[in-house]
PDB file of N, CA and C in Angstrom:
ATOM      1  N   MET A   1       0.528  -1.316   0.121  1.00  0.00           N
ATOM      2  CA  MET A   1      -0.262  -0.392   0.045  1.00  0.00           C
ATOM      3  C   MET A   1       0.367   1.654  -0.485  1.00  0.00           C
ATOM      4  N   LYS A   2       0.620   1.915  -0.614  1.00  0.00           N
ATOM      5  CA  LYS A   2       1.465   3.329  -1.515  1.00  0.00           C
ATOM      6  C   LYS A   2       1.025   4.291  -0.183  1.00  0.00           C
ATOM      7  N   LYS A   3       1.772   5.054   0.536  1.00  0.00           N
ATOM      8  CA  LYS A   3       1.831   6.228   1.435  1.00  0.00           C
ATOM      9  C   LYS A   3       1.583   7.511   1.147  1.00  0.00           C
ATOM     10  N   LYS A   4       0.358   8.152   1.832  1.00  0.00           N
ATOM     11  CA  LYS A   4      -0.245   9.073   1.128  1.00  0.00           C
ATOM     12  C   LYS A   4       0.650  10.649   1.089  1.00  0.00           C
ATOM     13  N   LYS A   5       1.178  11.796  -0.196  1.00  0.00           N
ATOM     14  CA  LYS A   5       2.737  12.102  -0.086  1.00  0.00           C
ATOM     15  C   LYS A   5       1.485  13.585   0.453  1.00  0.00           C
ATOM     16  N   SER A   6       2.235  14.812   0.998  1.00  0.00           N
ATOM     17  CA  SER A   6       1.577  15.327   1.513  1.00  0.00           C
ATOM     18  C   SER A   6       1.421  16.416   0.617  1.00  0.00           C
ATOM     19  N   LYS A   7       0.940  17.611   0.549  1.00  0.00           N
ATOM     20  CA  LYS A   7       0.701  18.028  -0.986  1.00  0.00           C
ATOM     21  C   LYS A   7       0.585  19.825   0.097  1.00  0.00           C
ATOM     22  N   LYS A   8       1.350  19.615   0.904  1.00  0.00           N
ATOM     23  CA  LYS A   8       1.514  21.166   2.031  1.00  0.00           C
ATOM     24  C   LYS A   8       2.849  22.034   1.283  1.00  0.00           C
ATOM     25  N   HIS A   9       3.310  21.931   0.693  1.00  0.00           N
ATOM     26  CA  HIS A   9       5.174  22.466   0.528  1.00  0.00           C
ATOM     27  C   HIS A   9       4.659  23.001  -1.211  1.00  0.00           C
ATOM     28  N   ASN A  10       3.644  22.394  -1.925  1.00  0.00           N
ATOM     29  CA  ASN A  10       3.385  22.513  -3.442  1.00  0.00           C
ATOM     30  C   ASN A  10       1.705  23.411  -2.843  1.00  0.00           C
ATOM     31  N   ILE A  11       1.860  24.372  -1.727  1.00  0.00           N
ATOM     32  CA  ILE A  11       0.893  25.359  -2.140  1.00  0.00           C
ATOM     33  C   ILE A  11       0.839  26.466  -2.145  1.00  0.00           C
ATOM     34  N   THR A  12       0.134  27.476  -1.829  1.00  0.00           N
ATOM     35  CA  THR A  12       0.847  29.208  -2.304  1.00  0.00           C
ATOM     36  C   THR A  12       0.721  29.663  -0.910  1.00  0.00           C
ATOM     37  N   GLN A  13       1.315  30.430  -0.336  1.00  0.00           N
ATOM     38  CA  GLN A  13       1.711  31.142   0.538  1.00  0.00           C
ATOM     39  C   GLN A  13       0.155  31.727   1.343  1.00  0.00           C
ATOM     40  N   GLU A  14      -0.512  32.263   0.682  1.00  0.00           N
ATOM     41  CA  GLU A  14      -2.195  32.888   1.213  1.00  0.00           C
ATOM     42  C   GLU A  14      -2.459  31.116   1.678  1.00  0.00           C
ATOM     43  N   ALA A  15      -2.266  30.407   0.716  1.00  0.00           N
ATOM     44  CA  ALA A  15      -3.352  28.915   1.779  1.00  0.00           C
ATOM     45  C   ALA A  15      -2.402  28.822   2.621  1.00  0.00           C
ATOM     46  N   ARG A  16      -0.635  28.120   2.453  1.00  0.00           N
ATOM     47  CA  ARG A  16      -0.051  28.017   4.102  1.00  0.00           C
ATOM     48  C   ARG A  16      -0.118  28.841   4.474  1.00  0.00           C
ATOM     49  N   LEU A  17      -1.320  30.117   4.668  1.00  0.00           N
ATOM     50  CA  LEU A  17      -1.190  30.727   6.048  1.00  0.00           C
ATOM     51  C   LEU A  17      -2.372  30.240   6.965  1.00  0.00           C
ATOM     52  N   ALA A  18      -3.650  30.703   5.529  1.00  0.00           N
ATOM     53  CA  ALA A  18      -4.648  29.756   6.712  1.00  0.00           C
ATOM     54  C   ALA A  18      -4.873  28.816   6.977  1.00  0.00           C
ATOM     55  N   SER A  19      -3.809  27.906   5.966  1.00  0.00           N
ATOM     56  CA  SER A  19      -3.886  26.952   7.018  1.00  0.00           C
ATOM     57  C   SER A  19      -3.280  26.603   8.146  1.00  0.00           C
ATOM     58  N   ALA A  20      -2.282  27.003   8.556  1.00  0.00           N
ATOM     59  CA  ALA A  20      -1.443  27.612   9.861  1.00  0.00           C
ATOM     60  C   ALA A  20      -2.519  28.243  10.402  1.00  0.00           C
ATOM     61  N   LYS A  21      -3.418  29.482  10.205  1.00  0.00           N
ATOM     62  CA  LYS A  21      -4.320  29.803  11.241  1.00  0.00           C
ATOM     63  C   LYS A  21      -4.558  28.345  12.068  1.00  0.00           C
ATOM     64  N   ARG A  22      -5.648  27.921  11.239  1.00  0.00           N
ATOM     65  CA  ARG A  22      -6.802  26.458  11.950  1.00  0.00           C
ATOM     66  C   ARG A  22      -5.575  25.503  12.574  1.00  0.00           C
ATOM     67  N   TRP A  23      -4.256  25.335  11.850  1.00  0.00           N
ATOM     68  CA  TRP A  23      -3.436  24.785  12.525  1.00  0.00           C
ATOM     69  C   TRP A  23      -2.782  24.733  14.682  1.00  0.00           C
ATOM     70  N   LEU A  24      -2.102  26.183  14.227  1.00  0.00           N
ATOM     71  CA  LEU A  24      -2.144  27.023  15.223  1.00  0.00           C
ATOM     72  C   LEU A  24      -3.078  27.349  16.308  1.00  0.00           C
ATOM     73  N   GLN A  25      -3.926  27.794  16.070  1.00  0.00           N
ATOM     74  CA  GLN A  25      -5.607  27.418  17.155  1.00  0.00           C
ATOM     75  C   GLN A  25      -5.080  25.904  17.350  1.00  0.00           C
ATOM     76  N   ASN A  26      -5.829  24.957  16.801  1.00  0.00           N
ATOM     77  CA  ASN A  26      -5.506  24.192  17.859  1.00  0.00           C
ATOM     78  C   ASN A  26      -4.434  22.903  18.958  1.00  0.00           C
ATOM     79  N   LEU A  27      -3.715  23.948  18.213  1.00  0.00           N
ATOM     80  CA  LEU A  27      -1.927  23.561  18.493  1.00  0.00           C
ATOM     81  C   LEU A  27      -1.742  23.000  19.827  1.00  0.00           C
ATOM     82  N   VAL A  28      -1.263  22.377  20.033  1.00  0.00           N
ATOM     83  CA  VAL A  28      -0.856  22.589  21.925  1.00  0.00           C
ATOM     84  C   VAL A  28       0.154  23.836  22.028  1.00  0.00           C
ATOM     85  N   LYS A  29       0.954  23.596  23.508  1.00  0.00           N
ATOM     86  CA  LYS A  29       2.084  24.590  23.018  1.00  0.00           C
ATOM     87  C   LYS A  29       3.331  23.684  22.425  1.00  0.00           C
ATOM     88  N   ILE A  30       4.215  24.419  21.722  1.00  0.00           N
ATOM     89  CA  ILE A  30       5.518  23.204  21.719  1.00  0.00           C
ATOM     90  C   ILE A  30       7.219  24.439  22.094  1.00  0.00           C
ATOM     91  N   ASP A  31       7.794  23.107  21.781  1.00  0.00           N
ATOM     92  CA  ASP A  31       9.222  24.138  22.301  1.00  0.00           C
ATOM     93  C   ASP A  31       9.602  24.719  20.985  1.00  0.00           C
ATOM     94  N   ASP A  32       9.433  23.927  20.089  1.00  0.00           N
ATOM     95  CA  ASP A  32      10.247  24.973  19.561  1.00  0.00           C
ATOM     96  C   ASP A  32       9.361  25.437  17.634  1.00  0.00           C
ATOM     97  N   LEU A  33       8.614  26.369  17.876  1.00  0.00           N
ATOM     98  CA  LEU A  33       7.891  26.396  16.976  1.00  0.00           C
ATOM     99  C   LEU A  33       7.715  26.848  15.236  1.00  0.00           C
ATOM    100  N   CYS A  34       8.436  27.291  15.030  1.00  0.00           N
ATOM    101  CA  CYS A  34       9.815  27.734  14.127  1.00  0.00           C
ATOM    102  C   CYS A  34       9.868  26.220  13.144  1.00  0.00           C
ATOM    103  N   ASN A  35      10.505  25.660  14.001  1.00  0.00           N
ATOM    104  CA  ASN A  35      11.289  24.666  13.218  1.00  0.00           C
ATOM    105  C   ASN A  35      10.260  23.754  12.663  1.00  0.00           C
ATOM    106  N   ALA A  36       8.781  23.580  13.802  1.00  0.00           N
ATOM    107  CA  ALA A  36       7.736  22.274  13.528  1.00  0.00           C
ATOM    108  C   ALA A  36       7.280  23.382  12.525  1.00  0.00           C
ATOM    109  N   TYR A  37       6.746  24.067  12.023  1.00  0.00           N
ATOM    110  CA  TYR A  37       6.439  25.292  11.087  1.00  0.00           C
ATOM    111  C   TYR A  37       7.220  24.559   9.704  1.00  0.00           C
ATOM    112  N   ALA A  38       8.479  25.200   9.583  1.00  0.00           N
ATOM    113  CA  ALA A  38       8.994  24.386   8.829  1.00  0.00           C
ATOM    114  C   ALA A  38       9.358  23.427   8.494  1.00  0.00           C
ATOM    115  N   LYS A  39       9.365  22.259   9.499  1.00  0.00           N
ATOM    116  CA  LYS A  39       8.551  21.050   9.015  1.00  0.00           C
ATOM    117  C   LYS A  39       7.694  20.301   8.361  1.00  0.00           C
ATOM    118  N   ARG A  40       6.335  20.525   9.005  1.00  0.00           N
ATOM    119  CA  ARG A  40       5.108  20.658   8.353  1.00  0.00           C
ATOM    120  C   ARG A  40       4.900  21.534   7.124  1.00  0.00           C
ATOM    121  N   TYR A  41       5.158  22.607   6.716  1.00  0.00           N
ATOM    122  CA  TYR A  41       4.908  23.053   5.187  1.00  0.00           C
ATOM    123  C   TYR A  41       6.240  23.299   4.252  1.00  0.00           C
ATOM    124  N   LYS A  42       7.424  21.908   5.172  1.00  0.00           N
ATOM    125  CA  LYS A  42       8.236  22.237   4.086  1.00  0.00           C
ATOM    126  C   LYS A  42       9.176  23.266   4.028  1.00  0.00           C
ATOM    127  N   ILE A  43       9.231  24.368   4.539  1.00  0.00           N
ATOM    128  CA  ILE A  43       9.815  25.343   4.267  1.00  0.00           C
ATOM    129  C   ILE A  43      11.078  25.860   5.000  1.00  0.00           C
ATOM    130  N   ASP A  44      11.326  27.345   4.551  1.00  0.00           N
ATOM    131  CA  ASP A  44      13.079  26.955   5.524  1.00  0.00           C
ATOM    132  C   ASP A  44      12.803  28.025   6.417  1.00  0.00           C
ATOM    133  N   LYS A  45      13.489  27.712   7.564  1.00  0.00           N
ATOM    134  CA  LYS A  45      13.492  28.029   9.265  1.00  0.00           C
ATOM    135  C   LYS A  45      13.027  29.550   8.714  1.00  0.00           C
ATOM    136  N   ALA A  46      13.958  30.875   8.267  1.00  0.00           N
ATOM    137  CA  ALA A  46      13.851  31.619   7.795  1.00  0.00           C
ATOM    138  C   ALA A  46      12.621  32.294   7.089  1.00  0.00           C
ATOM    139  N   VAL A  47      12.006  31.599   5.858  1.00  0.00           N
ATOM    140  CA  VAL A  47      10.516  31.728   5.679  1.00  0.00           C
ATOM    141  C   VAL A  47       9.157  31.000   6.740  1.00  0.00           C
ATOM    142  N   ALA A  48       9.684  30.280   7.370  1.00  0.00           N
ATOM    143  CA  ALA A  48       8.716  30.559   9.397  1.00  0.00           C
ATOM    144  C   ALA A  48       8.994  31.150  10.152  1.00  0.00           C
ATOM    145  N   PHE A  49       9.769  31.911  10.139  1.00  0.00           N
ATOM    146  CA  PHE A  49       9.641  32.412  11.073  1.00  0.00           C
ATOM    147  C   PHE A  49       9.234  33.846  10.159  1.00  0.00           C
ATOM    148  N   LEU A  50       9.393  34.916   9.633  1.00  0.00           N
ATOM    149  CA  LEU A  50       8.446  35.822   8.945  1.00  0.00           C
ATOM    150  C   LEU A  50       6.813  35.123   8.930  1.00  0.00           C
ATOM    151  N   GLU A  51       6.308  34.368   8.199  1.00  0.00           N
ATOM    152  CA  GLU A  51       5.099  34.420   8.361  1.00  0.00           C
ATOM    153  C   GLU A  51       5.007  33.363  10.154  1.00  0.00           C
ATOM    154  N   LEU A  52       5.181  33.478  10.622  1.00  0.00           N
ATOM    155  CA  LEU A  52       5.098  33.431  11.867  1.00  0.00           C
ATOM    156  C   LEU A  52       4.661  34.654  12.313  1.00  0.00           C
ATOM    157  N   CYS A  53       5.922  35.421  12.453  1.00  0.00           N
ATOM    158  CA  CYS A  53       5.816  36.684  13.247  1.00  0.00           C
ATOM    159  C   CYS A  53       4.943  37.727  12.044  1.00  0.00           C
ATOM    160  N   GLN A  54       4.377  37.495  10.917  1.00  0.00           N
ATOM    161  CA  GLN A  54       2.867  37.681  10.504  1.00  0.00           C
ATOM    162  C   GLN A  54       1.717  37.090  10.606  1.00  0.00           C
ATOM    163  N   LEU A  55       1.670  36.218  11.321  1.00  0.00           N
ATOM    164  CA  LEU A  55       0.716  35.382  11.566  1.00  0.00           C
ATOM    165  C   LEU A  55       0.292  35.964  13.190  1.00  0.00           C
ATOM    166  N   GLY A  56       1.239  36.568  14.057  1.00  0.00           N
ATOM    167  CA  GLY A  56       1.117  37.342  15.272  1.00  0.00           C
ATOM    168  C   GLY A  56       1.865  36.527  16.781  1.00  0.00           C
ATOM    169  N   TYR A  57       2.913  35.790  15.912  1.00  0.00           N
ATOM    170  CA  TYR A  57       3.692  34.887  17.348  1.00  0.00           C
ATOM    171  C   TYR A  57       5.154  35.279  17.337  1.00  0.00           C
ATOM    172  N   LYS A  58       5.328  36.345  17.320  1.00  0.00           N
ATOM    173  CA  LYS A  58       6.573  36.994  16.942  1.00  0.00           C
ATOM    174  C   LYS A  58       7.010  36.850  18.772  1.00  0.00           C
ATOM    175  N   GLU A  59       6.371  37.168  19.483  1.00  0.00           N
ATOM    176  CA  GLU A  59       6.112  37.235  20.881  1.00  0.00           C
ATOM    177  C   GLU A  59       6.745  35.567  21.105  1.00  0.00           C
ATOM    178  N   GLU A  60       6.171  35.118  20.637  1.00  0.00           N
ATOM    179  CA  GLU A  60       6.546  33.998  21.385  1.00  0.00           C
ATOM    180  C   GLU A  60       7.818  32.946  20.731  1.00  0.00           C
ATOM    181  N   LEU A  61       8.147  33.004  19.610  1.00  0.00           N
ATOM    182  CA  LEU A  61       8.990  32.752  18.724  1.00  0.00           C
ATOM    183  C   LEU A  61      10.639  33.798  19.955  1.00  0.00           C
ATOM    184  N   ILE A  62      10.505  34.864  20.539  1.00  0.00           N
ATOM    185  CA  ILE A  62      11.323  35.482  20.730  1.00  0.00           C
ATOM    186  C   ILE A  62      11.939  34.848  21.970  1.00  0.00           C
ATOM    187  N   THR A  63      10.807  34.668  22.664  1.00  0.00           N
ATOM    188  CA  THR A  63      10.295  33.914  24.441  1.00  0.00           C
ATOM    189  C   THR A  63      11.010  32.252  23.806  1.00  0.00           C
ATOM    190  N   GLN A  64      10.834  32.232  23.298  1.00  0.00           N
ATOM    191  CA  GLN A  64      11.671  30.627  22.167  1.00  0.00           C
ATOM    192  C   GLN A  64      12.546  30.263  22.639  1.00  0.00           C
ATOM    193  N   GLY A  65      13.326  31.704  21.480  1.00  0.00           N
ATOM    194  CA  GLY A  65      14.898  31.463  21.319  1.00  0.00           C
ATOM    195  C   GLY A  65      15.525  32.143  22.564  1.00  0.00           C
ATOM    196  N   TYR A  66      14.872  32.928  23.859  1.00  0.00           N
ATOM    197  CA  TYR A  66      15.543  33.447  24.659  1.00  0.00           C
ATOM    198  C   TYR A  66      16.045  31.947  25.088  1.00  0.00           C
ATOM    199  N   ASP A  67      14.690  31.167  25.381  1.00  0.00           N
ATOM    200  CA  ASP A  67      14.137  29.929  25.964  1.00  0.00           C
ATOM    201  C   ASP A  67      15.608  28.730  25.850  1.00  0.00           C
ATOM    202  N   LYS A  68      15.933  28.662  24.341  1.00  0.00           N
ATOM    203  CA  LYS A  68      16.674  28.315  23.969  1.00  0.00           C
ATOM    204  C   LYS A  68      18.274  28.163  24.033  1.00  0.00           C
ATOM    205  N   GLU A  69      18.247  29.493  24.029  1.00  0.00           N
ATOM    206  CA  GLU A  69      20.421  29.966  24.710  1.00  0.00           C
ATOM    207  C   GLU A  69      20.424  30.228  25.666  1.00  0.00           C
ATOM    208  N   GLY A  70      19.140  29.783  26.840  1.00  0.00           N
ATOM    209  CA  GLY A  70      18.917  29.485  27.879  1.00  0.00           C
ATOM    210  C   GLY A  70      19.645  31.472  28.882  1.00  0.00           C
ATOM    211  N   ILE A  71      19.122  32.279  27.872  1.00  0.00           N
ATOM    212  CA  ILE A  71      18.513  33.977  28.190  1.00  0.00           C
ATOM    213  C   ILE A  71      17.584  33.617  30.035  1.00  0.00           C
ATOM    214  N   GLU A  72      17.597  34.200  30.420  1.00  0.00           N
ATOM    215  CA  GLU A  72      16.758  35.222  32.148  1.00  0.00           C
ATOM    216  C   GLU A  72      16.013  35.908  30.922  1.00  0.00           C
ATOM    217  N   TYR A  73      15.078  36.182  30.354  1.00  0.00           N
ATOM    218  CA  TYR A  73      13.761  37.430  30.102  1.00  0.00           C
ATOM    219  C   TYR A  73      12.925  37.441  31.293  1.00  0.00           C
ATOM    220  N   GLU A  74      12.678  39.130  31.319  1.00  0.00           N
ATOM    221  CA  GLU A  74      11.575  39.275  31.368  1.00  0.00           C
ATOM    222  C   GLU A  74      11.010  40.318  31.070  1.00  0.00           C
ATOM    223  N   PHE A  75       9.771  40.573  30.986  1.00  0.00           N
ATOM    224  CA  PHE A  75       8.679  41.461  30.108  1.00  0.00           C
ATOM    225  C   PHE A  75       8.486  42.655  30.778  1.00  0.00           C
ATOM    226  N   MET A  76       9.109  44.010  29.268  1.00  0.00           N
ATOM    227  CA  MET A  76       9.053  45.304  30.028  1.00  0.00           C
ATOM    228  C   MET A  76       8.139  45.779  29.102  1.00  0.00           C
ATOM    229  N   TYR A  77       7.639  47.525  29.973  1.00  0.00           N
ATOM    230  CA  TYR A  77       6.876  48.158  29.179  1.00  0.00           C
ATOM    231  C   TYR A  77       7.888  48.486  28.141  1.00  0.00           C
ATOM    232  N   ASP A  78       6.796  48.761  27.036  1.00  0.00           N
ATOM    233  CA  ASP A  78       7.900  49.822  25.658  1.00  0.00           C
ATOM    234  C   ASP A  78       7.031  50.845  26.063  1.00  0.00           C
ATOM    235  N   PRO A  79       7.843  52.397  25.831  1.00  0.00           N
ATOM    236  CA  PRO A  79       7.122  53.591  25.642  1.00  0.00           C
ATOM    237  C   PRO A  79       6.752  53.854  24.211  1.00  0.00           C
ATOM    238  N   TYR A  80       7.382  53.507  23.105  1.00  0.00           N
ATOM    239  CA  TYR A  80       7.279  53.367  22.173  1.00  0.00           C
ATOM    240  C   TYR A  80       6.279  53.037  21.201  1.00  0.00           C
ATOM    241  N   GLY A  81       5.582  51.737  21.856  1.00  0.00           N
ATOM    242  CA  GLY A  81       4.807  51.195  21.187  1.00  0.00           C
ATOM    243  C   GLY A  81       3.225  51.034  21.897  1.00  0.00           C
ATOM    244  N   ASP A  82       3.284  51.427  23.799  1.00  0.00           N
ATOM    245  CA  ASP A  82       2.754  51.330  24.499  1.00  0.00           C
ATOM    246  C   ASP A  82       1.871  49.304  24.915  1.00  0.00           C
ATOM    247  N   GLU A  83       3.018  48.382  24.967  1.00  0.00           N
ATOM    248  CA  GLU A  83       2.766  47.061  24.694  1.00  0.00           C
ATOM    249  C   GLU A  83       4.013  46.478  25.867  1.00  0.00           C
ATOM    250  N   MET A  84       4.059  45.140  26.493  1.00  0.00           N
ATOM    251  CA  MET A  84       4.568  45.226  27.088  1.00  0.00           C
ATOM    252  C   MET A  84       5.752  43.821  25.716  1.00  0.00           C
ATOM    253  N   LYS A  85       7.061  43.706  27.003  1.00  0.00           N
ATOM    254  CA  LYS A  85       8.355  42.715  25.469  1.00  0.00           C
ATOM    255  C   LYS A  85       8.665  42.138  26.180  1.00  0.00           C
ATOM    256  N   ALA A  86       9.748  41.006  25.605  1.00  0.00           N
ATOM    257  CA  ALA A  86      10.186  40.252  26.266  1.00  0.00           C
ATOM    258  C   ALA A  86      11.888  40.961  25.748  1.00  0.00           C
ATOM    259  N   ALA A  87      12.333  40.559  27.283  1.00  0.00           N
ATOM    260  CA  ALA A  87      13.695  41.979  27.091  1.00  0.00           C
ATOM    261  C   ALA A  87      14.698  40.836  28.202  1.00  0.00           C
ATOM    262  N   PRO A  88      15.997  40.320  27.532  1.00  0.00           N
ATOM    263  CA  PRO A  88      16.875  40.236  28.861  1.00  0.00           C
ATOM    264  C   PRO A  88      16.552  40.711  30.064  1.00  0.00           C
ATOM    265  N   LYS A  89      17.343  39.916  30.989  1.00  0.00           N
ATOM    266  CA  LYS A  89      16.772  40.442  32.225  1.00  0.00           C
ATOM    267  C   LYS A  89      17.443  41.643  32.421  1.00  0.00           C
ATOM    268  N   GLY A  90      17.978  42.669  33.308  1.00  0.00           N
ATOM    269  CA  GLY A  90      18.911  43.961  33.275  1.00  0.00           C
ATOM    270  C   GLY A  90      19.077  44.888  31.998  1.00  0.00           C
ATOM    271  N   THR A  91      18.061  44.353  31.035  1.00  0.00           N
ATOM    272  CA  THR A  91      18.058  46.123  30.288  1.00  0.00           C
ATOM    273  C   THR A  91      17.088  46.682  30.806  1.00  0.00           C
ATOM    274  N   GLU A  92      17.994  48.278  30.169  1.00  0.00           N
ATOM    275  CA  GLU A  92      18.034  49.120  30.542  1.00  0.00           C
ATOM    276  C   GLU A  92      16.772  49.545  29.501  1.00  0.00           C
ATOM    277  N   GLU A  93      15.146  50.641  30.066  1.00  0.00           N
ATOM    278  CA  GLU A  93      14.806  51.210  29.052  1.00  0.00           C
ATOM    279  C   GLU A  93      14.804  51.549  27.801  1.00  0.00           C
ATOM    280  N   TRP A  94      16.230  52.056  27.608  1.00  0.00           N
ATOM    281  CA  TRP A  94      16.012  52.311  25.812  1.00  0.00           C
ATOM    282  C   TRP A  94      17.043  51.989  25.302  1.00  0.00           C
ATOM    283  N   GLU A  95      17.444  50.661  26.153  1.00  0.00           N
ATOM    284  CA  GLU A  95      17.742  49.730  24.834  1.00  0.00           C
ATOM    285  C   GLU A  95      16.954  49.086  24.577  1.00  0.00           C
ATOM    286  N   LEU A  96      15.313  49.108  24.727  1.00  0.00           N
ATOM    287  CA  LEU A  96      13.643  47.880  23.761  1.00  0.00           C
ATOM    288  C   LEU A  96      13.957  47.674  23.495  1.00  0.00           C
ATOM    289  N   PRO A  97      14.126  49.009  22.572  1.00  0.00           N
ATOM    290  CA  PRO A  97      14.140  48.979  21.054  1.00  0.00           C
ATOM    291  C   PRO A  97      15.246  48.193  20.282  1.00  0.00           C
ATOM    292  N   GLU A  98      16.130  47.461  21.010  1.00  0.00           N
ATOM    293  CA  GLU A  98      17.381  46.808  20.307  1.00  0.00           C
ATOM    294  C   GLU A  98      16.454  45.017  20.309  1.00  0.00           C
ATOM    295  N   PHE A  99      15.669  44.753  21.038  1.00  0.00           N
ATOM    296  CA  PHE A  99      14.622  43.814  21.419  1.00  0.00           C
ATOM    297  C   PHE A  99      13.790  43.245  20.621  1.00  0.00           C
ATOM    298  N   ILE A 100      12.840  44.162  19.871  1.00  0.00           N
ATOM    299  CA  ILE A 100      12.088  44.121  19.273  1.00  0.00           C
ATOM    300  C   ILE A 100      11.861  43.943  18.190  1.00  0.00           C
TER     301      ILE A 100
END
């Protein structure tokens, strides 16, 4: 019996993003979201990172990167964007735009 081949790598970016939205909504927490996305859709990790940022997962990717590197981080108020952003512990407020 032949194994069914996935056609996920042959779809357009728009279709992939629509599929990814559904997949991400039903997803349980993954330690390496970027790699899982790249593997699922058979795309480059850089493309996966950009598309996940486009889908609103940038903060999750940043915190996963800090965890992977063993960097302690904290959430700080960003006065330029009126949001809380993850930054390495001890970061001064004026340095925050470097980590966004």
